[in-house]
Every structure is written in structure tokens, then in C-alpha cells.
Amino acid sequence: MPVNARRLIRKMRGGAQAHLLECDDGNCYVVKFRNNPQHRRILVNEWISSVFLDYLRISSPSAAIVSISPEFLGANPEVHIQLGSQKTPPTDGWHFGSRFPGDPSRVAVYDFLPDVLLRKVANAREFLGIFAFDKWMANVDARQAIFFRARLREQIGFHRGGEDGEESELGRTGFIAAMMDNGYVFDGPRWSFPDSPLQGLYHRTMIYDAVSGLDDFQPWLDRITYFPDEVIDEAWKQIPPPWLNGDSDALTSMLEGLQRRRKRVPELIREVARRARVNPFPGWT
């Protein structure tokens, strides 16, 4: 069921002009509007990515459909999209929400960590999983992630992805990475699969220093190669019809192409080590 927007907290940076809204389930969500400047297909891309990342056990914010009513818009005129000097309110109805990791007034979220802290991120290996994901999904944007401190035991995403973590480690507090902003998978609104060696890389390439070969991308490579058709169907069925607006056939065709790409992912990763102008995997053997 959708959650209902009830309070504006702040506007967010970025080309989609998302807003951080508190909703009636008590959580806060970074909301991308259906009429955002990047295209309504961005919402479809975000929803599909959230379902897939959950299956792949890669930490990412929980997704929700956020309902915005005419009454909310009337009471919050500062909720708008700005193009030049023109201000346009979001359309009422259903939009994509990415849950903020806690109370924004109490939880500090970072999009950058110094090297010494980045090396201590509890689920740093998931950057290898998300890279395999981004190659499969033809993410033409650089990989985006946020970081926050939390008790590891309380982070479901960390439990799923941190398969080599010891039980004793889960009781401590540390930095968690959450992979976010997946609007430009499938080449954004173009819904195609361009391949370039540097697509999808996280800009802090030290995160890849320990990579020596394809085995380092497990277990995610196997999960992608044998990705179940029923999970793809589930994601498709959950998409609100207004987000598609006549694009159902195009989405079906695009997802069929995605299914055919599953077994190509190992080769796409090898191409990065072989063809990238600057090899991000200096330890590849």
C-alpha cells in the first residue's frame, strides 16, 4: 500500500529535484516525482532496481510508493520543480520514495568519507556486488552511495550482504554503505543497453584495490547469472500504471533484453580490466 506524504522536510540536490518528505507511516522518504525533469521512466528504473537489489542482498534504502494529495500540495507550495524561472508543482498521485535511514534530525548521512573511514565501512564488499549489478543493468551514471553510522545488527541490508561477517561484529556500531540513485540504469529514460568499460564505477576506486579476478564478485555474479524470471515479473507487476503511461510494451521488450544479458555480466566485468583507459582493478591477475 502507498504511504501518504504529510510534511516537507527539505529539497534534495540532483537533477531529479527530489524532496525529502515525512509520511504517515512515521518514516521519511527521498521522493522523486512522476513529472521530474529526468522523465517518468526514472521512477520505473528505481522501482525495478529496488526489487532486484533486495533479491541480490545488496544494501539499499527500502522503496515505497508515496501518495501526494492535492491537499498536501495546496498546503505546501514550496514543494515544486524548478525549470529556469518556472515553478511547477508535482502531479498529485503516486511517486517513488527511497526511505531515509532514520530521523533526519538525528541521523547524519554522508555522500563522502575520508579514505581512512571508507576502508572501515562494514559492508564495503558490496561495492563489488553493485558493480556487477550496474554492468548488468547498463547504469550509465557513476555509482552513487550514502554512508551512515548504525548498529550493524539492526541493518537488514548488512545482514544480507555481509555474508562473511562474524556474529561478534554485528553488535558493534560502524559505517554502513547504502547503494542509491538508480534512475539511470537501462540508460535512463532511453531504456537501452549501451556498454562502456567505465560505466557504473564508484568514483573512489580504492574500493576496488583488493580485486584480483572474477571470483571477488561472488556471490553476486551467480545470483545475477541465475536471476529468477519470477523476480523480474514481480517487479513489473508492482509498477503503478501512471508511471508507464503507454510504455508497457517498451518495458516488456527492455526486460526481455535484460534477461538475455544475465550471462554476459562476467565478460562485461573482464572488459573493464582489459579495456578501461585507467584500470580500476590494479590487482587483477
Protein backbone atom coordinates (compact mmCIF):
# COMPACT_ATOMS: atom_id res chain seq x y z
CA MET A 1 0.00 0.00 0.00
CA PRO A 2 1.22 3.55 -0.68
CA VAL A 3 2.26 5.82 2.16
CA ASN A 4 0.90 9.36 2.28
CA ALA A 5 3.06 12.49 2.32
CA ARG A 6 2.33 14.71 5.30
CA ARG A 7 5.31 17.07 5.81
CA LEU A 8 8.09 18.60 3.73
CA ILE A 9 11.50 18.38 5.37
CA ARG A 10 13.75 19.77 2.64
CA LYS A 11 14.60 19.70 -1.03
CA MET A 12 17.44 17.45 -2.16
CA ARG A 13 20.28 18.02 -4.60
CA GLY A 14 20.31 16.36 -8.00
CA GLY A 15 18.81 16.52 -11.46
CA ALA A 16 15.59 14.76 -10.48
CA GLN A 17 14.82 17.54 -7.94
CA ALA A 18 13.72 15.05 -5.30
CA HIS A 19 12.26 16.20 -1.97
CA LEU A 20 12.62 14.68 1.49
CA LEU A 21 9.11 14.12 2.84
CA GLU A 22 7.80 12.69 6.09
CA CYS A 23 4.97 10.21 5.51
CA ASP A 24 2.15 8.81 7.60
CA ASP A 25 3.99 5.56 8.37
CA GLY A 26 6.42 7.57 10.51
CA ASN A 27 9.30 7.27 8.03
CA CYS A 28 10.93 9.87 5.79
CA TYR A 29 11.46 9.31 2.08
CA VAL A 30 13.51 10.93 -0.65
CA VAL A 31 10.73 11.31 -3.22
CA LYS A 32 11.19 11.52 -6.98
CA PHE A 33 8.10 12.93 -8.65
CA ARG A 34 6.43 11.43 -11.68
CA ASN A 35 6.85 14.70 -13.59
CA ASN A 36 10.51 15.10 -12.62
CA PRO A 37 12.86 16.78 -15.16
CA GLN A 38 14.62 13.48 -15.99
CA HIS A 39 11.47 11.62 -17.17
CA ARG A 40 8.81 9.46 -15.50
CA ARG A 41 10.67 6.31 -16.64
CA ILE A 42 13.24 7.13 -13.95
CA LEU A 43 10.67 6.01 -11.37
CA VAL A 44 10.24 2.67 -13.15
CA ASN A 45 14.02 2.21 -13.17
CA GLU A 46 14.22 2.99 -9.46
CA TRP A 47 11.44 0.56 -8.55
CA ILE A 48 12.85 -2.32 -10.58
CA SER A 49 16.30 -1.71 -9.09
CA SER A 50 14.94 -1.77 -5.55
CA VAL A 51 13.28 -5.16 -6.09
CA PHE A 52 16.39 -6.61 -7.74
CA LEU A 53 18.79 -5.30 -5.08
CA ASP A 54 16.65 -6.83 -2.37
CA TYR A 55 16.92 -10.22 -4.08
CA LEU A 56 20.67 -9.82 -4.65
CA ARG A 57 21.21 -8.94 -0.97
CA ILE A 58 22.87 -5.63 -1.67
CA SER A 59 22.20 -2.90 0.88
CA SER A 60 19.98 -0.12 -0.42
CA PRO A 61 17.21 2.05 1.02
CA SER A 62 13.78 0.46 1.19
CA ALA A 63 11.43 1.71 -1.52
CA ALA A 64 7.83 2.82 -1.22
CA ILE A 65 5.12 4.32 -3.38
CA VAL A 66 4.41 7.76 -1.94
CA SER A 67 0.98 9.27 -2.46
CA ILE A 68 0.78 13.06 -2.74
CA SER A 69 -2.67 14.57 -2.42
CA PRO A 70 -3.97 17.86 -3.82
CA GLU A 71 -4.46 18.95 -0.20
CA PHE A 72 -0.79 18.33 0.60
CA LEU A 73 0.30 20.33 -2.45
CA GLY A 74 -2.05 23.16 -1.56
CA ALA A 75 -0.63 23.34 1.95
CA ASN A 76 3.00 23.07 0.77
CA PRO A 77 3.56 25.40 -2.22
CA GLU A 78 7.33 25.14 -1.63
CA VAL A 79 7.10 21.56 -2.95
CA HIS A 80 7.80 22.20 -6.61
CA ILE A 81 10.05 21.50 -9.59
CA GLN A 82 12.03 24.47 -10.87
CA LEU A 83 12.97 24.79 -14.53
CA GLY A 84 14.60 28.16 -15.11
CA SER A 85 12.30 30.73 -13.59
CA GLN A 86 9.24 28.47 -13.81
CA LYS A 87 7.98 26.58 -10.77
CA THR A 88 5.81 23.53 -11.41
CA PRO A 89 4.12 21.53 -8.63
CA PRO A 90 4.33 17.75 -8.73
CA THR A 91 1.31 15.98 -10.11
CA ASP A 92 -0.87 14.54 -7.39
CA GLY A 93 -0.91 10.76 -7.17
CA TRP A 94 1.80 8.14 -6.76
CA HIS A 95 5.56 8.81 -6.79
CA PHE A 96 8.75 6.90 -5.93
CA GLY A 97 10.14 7.10 -2.40
CA SER A 98 13.52 5.93 -1.10
CA ARG A 99 13.46 5.62 2.70
CA PHE A 100 15.84 7.81 4.67
CA PRO A 101 17.84 5.77 7.23
CA GLY A 102 16.20 7.14 10.37
CA ASP A 103 15.17 10.52 11.72
CA PRO A 104 16.82 13.23 9.54
CA SER A 105 17.18 15.48 12.60
CA ARG A 106 19.25 12.81 14.38
CA VAL A 107 20.90 10.62 11.74
CA ALA A 108 23.82 12.10 9.82
CA VAL A 109 24.10 10.82 6.24
CA TYR A 110 27.25 11.36 4.19
CA ASP A 111 27.95 11.01 0.49
CA PHE A 112 31.71 11.18 1.07
CA LEU A 113 34.04 9.56 3.63
CA PRO A 114 37.78 10.14 4.04
CA ASP A 115 39.98 7.25 2.92
CA VAL A 116 40.62 6.02 6.45
CA LEU A 117 36.87 5.72 7.14
CA LEU A 118 35.98 4.37 3.72
CA ARG A 119 38.31 1.42 4.36
CA LYS A 120 36.35 0.66 7.55
CA VAL A 121 32.85 0.58 6.01
CA ALA A 122 31.31 -2.63 7.32
CA ASN A 123 29.78 -3.80 4.05
CA ALA A 124 32.40 -2.39 1.67
CA ARG A 125 32.47 -5.66 -0.32
CA GLU A 126 29.00 -4.84 -1.58
CA PHE A 127 30.60 -2.27 -3.89
CA LEU A 128 31.70 -5.30 -5.93
CA GLY A 129 28.17 -6.66 -5.96
CA ILE A 130 26.69 -3.36 -7.03
CA PHE A 131 29.30 -3.05 -9.78
CA ALA A 132 28.17 -6.40 -11.23
CA PHE A 133 24.59 -5.17 -10.91
CA ASP A 134 25.40 -1.89 -12.69
CA LYS A 135 27.09 -3.71 -15.58
CA TRP A 136 24.06 -5.97 -15.99
CA MET A 137 21.61 -3.07 -15.80
CA ALA A 138 23.62 -0.74 -18.08
CA ASN A 139 23.82 2.01 -15.49
CA VAL A 140 25.24 4.95 -17.42
CA ASP A 141 25.69 7.02 -14.26
CA ALA A 142 28.55 6.71 -11.80
CA ARG A 143 27.68 4.57 -8.81
CA GLN A 144 26.07 6.61 -6.02
CA ALA A 145 26.15 5.61 -2.35
CA ILE A 146 25.44 7.12 1.03
CA PHE A 147 27.04 6.30 4.38
CA PHE A 148 25.69 6.46 7.91
CA ARG A 149 26.64 5.11 11.32
CA ALA A 150 24.42 2.42 12.81
CA ARG A 151 24.47 -0.68 14.93
CA LEU A 152 25.25 -3.39 12.42
CA ARG A 153 22.82 -5.91 13.87
CA GLU A 154 19.95 -3.53 13.10
CA GLN A 155 20.80 -3.16 9.42
CA ILE A 156 18.90 -5.80 7.45
CA GLY A 157 20.78 -4.94 4.28
CA PHE A 158 24.08 -5.51 6.02
CA HIS A 159 22.93 -8.91 7.30
CA ARG A 160 22.02 -9.88 3.74
CA GLY A 161 25.17 -8.67 2.06
CA GLY A 162 27.80 -9.21 4.74
CA GLU A 163 27.96 -12.95 4.41
CA ASP A 164 31.49 -13.24 5.76
CA GLY A 165 30.83 -11.13 8.86
CA GLU A 166 31.22 -12.75 12.26
CA GLU A 167 28.40 -12.70 14.80
CA SER A 168 30.59 -10.77 17.25
CA GLU A 169 30.99 -7.98 14.70
CA LEU A 170 27.26 -7.44 14.32
CA GLY A 171 26.92 -5.99 17.81
CA ARG A 172 29.19 -3.03 17.16
CA THR A 173 28.41 0.37 15.64
CA GLY A 174 30.04 1.25 12.33
CA PHE A 175 29.59 2.89 8.97
CA ILE A 176 27.16 1.27 6.54
CA ALA A 177 27.04 1.96 2.81
CA ALA A 178 23.67 2.04 1.09
CA MET A 179 23.56 1.99 -2.70
CA MET A 180 21.14 4.56 -4.04
CA ASP A 181 20.04 6.67 -7.01
CA ASN A 182 19.44 4.05 -9.70
CA GLY A 183 17.45 6.22 -12.08
CA TYR A 184 19.97 5.85 -14.90
CA VAL A 185 20.05 2.09 -15.14
CA PHE A 186 18.80 0.99 -18.58
CA ASP A 187 20.42 4.14 -19.99
CA GLY A 188 17.94 6.28 -18.06
CA PRO A 189 14.76 7.12 -19.97
CA ARG A 190 16.11 5.60 -23.21
CA TRP A 191 15.68 2.01 -21.98
CA SER A 192 18.63 0.62 -23.89
CA PHE A 193 21.87 -1.20 -23.04
CA PRO A 194 24.96 0.77 -24.04
CA ASP A 195 28.17 -0.76 -22.72
CA SER A 196 31.27 1.20 -21.80
CA PRO A 197 34.08 -0.07 -19.53
CA LEU A 198 33.81 2.78 -17.04
CA GLN A 199 30.03 2.81 -16.64
CA GLY A 200 28.78 2.16 -13.13
CA LEU A 201 32.11 2.60 -11.34
CA TYR A 202 32.22 4.22 -7.92
CA HIS A 203 34.42 7.30 -8.15
CA ARG A 204 36.58 6.26 -5.16
CA THR A 205 38.36 3.44 -6.97
CA MET A 206 40.36 2.47 -3.87
CA ILE A 207 37.27 0.42 -3.06
CA TYR A 208 38.41 -1.99 -5.82
CA ASP A 209 42.09 -2.28 -4.78
CA ALA A 210 41.74 -5.86 -3.50
CA VAL A 211 40.06 -7.20 -6.66
CA SER A 212 42.20 -9.93 -8.26
CA GLY A 213 39.66 -11.58 -10.56
CA LEU A 214 36.06 -12.56 -11.18
CA ASP A 215 35.84 -14.65 -8.02
CA ASP A 216 35.85 -11.45 -5.97
CA PHE A 217 32.45 -10.57 -7.43
CA GLN A 218 30.81 -13.63 -5.92
CA PRO A 219 28.20 -14.47 -4.73
CA TRP A 220 26.56 -11.69 -6.73
CA LEU A 221 27.74 -12.89 -10.13
CA ASP A 222 25.98 -16.23 -9.66
CA ARG A 223 22.86 -14.53 -8.34
CA ILE A 224 22.71 -12.40 -11.48
CA THR A 225 23.56 -15.23 -13.90
CA TYR A 226 20.71 -17.33 -12.49
CA PHE A 227 18.41 -14.44 -11.68
CA PRO A 228 14.83 -15.80 -11.47
CA ASP A 229 12.33 -14.75 -14.09
CA GLU A 230 9.66 -14.59 -11.38
CA VAL A 231 11.51 -11.77 -9.56
CA ILE A 232 11.56 -9.77 -12.80
CA ASP A 233 7.83 -10.45 -13.24
CA GLU A 234 7.16 -9.42 -9.63
CA ALA A 235 8.92 -6.08 -10.13
CA TRP A 236 6.97 -5.45 -13.35
CA LYS A 237 3.61 -6.14 -11.70
CA GLN A 238 4.27 -3.72 -8.83
CA ILE A 239 4.78 -0.69 -11.06
CA PRO A 240 1.85 1.77 -10.91
CA PRO A 241 0.23 2.17 -14.37
CA PRO A 242 0.58 6.00 -14.34
CA TRP A 243 4.36 5.58 -14.27
CA LEU A 244 4.17 3.68 -17.55
CA ASN A 245 1.58 5.75 -19.41
CA GLY A 246 1.55 3.57 -22.51
CA ASP A 247 5.09 2.20 -22.15
CA SER A 248 4.09 -1.36 -21.20
CA ASP A 249 5.27 -2.90 -24.48
CA ALA A 250 8.55 -0.98 -24.34
CA LEU A 251 9.11 -2.14 -20.76
CA THR A 252 8.40 -5.76 -21.69
CA SER A 253 10.90 -5.57 -24.55
CA MET A 254 13.52 -3.95 -22.34
CA LEU A 255 13.15 -6.58 -19.60
CA GLU A 256 13.45 -9.37 -22.18
CA GLY A 257 16.74 -7.81 -23.25
CA LEU A 258 17.81 -7.67 -19.61
CA GLN A 259 17.13 -11.39 -19.20
CA ARG A 260 19.34 -12.14 -22.19
CA ARG A 261 22.19 -10.11 -20.62
CA ARG A 262 22.42 -12.17 -17.42
CA LYS A 263 25.20 -14.48 -18.60
CA ARG A 264 27.15 -11.64 -20.22
CA VAL A 265 27.99 -9.93 -16.93
CA PRO A 266 31.30 -11.79 -16.27
CA GLU A 267 32.55 -10.77 -19.70
CA LEU A 268 31.41 -7.16 -19.17
CA ILE A 269 33.49 -7.06 -15.98
CA ARG A 270 36.52 -8.60 -17.72
CA GLU A 271 36.23 -5.87 -20.35
CA VAL A 272 36.73 -3.25 -17.63
CA ALA A 273 40.06 -4.84 -16.62
CA ARG A 274 41.13 -5.18 -20.27
CA ARG A 275 39.84 -2.06 -21.98
CA ALA A 276 39.37 0.74 -19.44
CA ARG A 277 41.64 3.71 -20.10
CA VAL A 278 42.67 3.55 -16.42
CA ASN A 279 42.26 0.06 -14.96
CA PRO A 280 40.25 0.37 -11.70
CA PHE A 281 41.39 -3.15 -10.69
CA PRO A 282 45.17 -2.80 -10.25
CA GLY A 283 45.41 -6.25 -8.61
CA TRP A 284 43.63 -8.14 -11.42
CA THR A 285 45.67 -11.19 -12.40
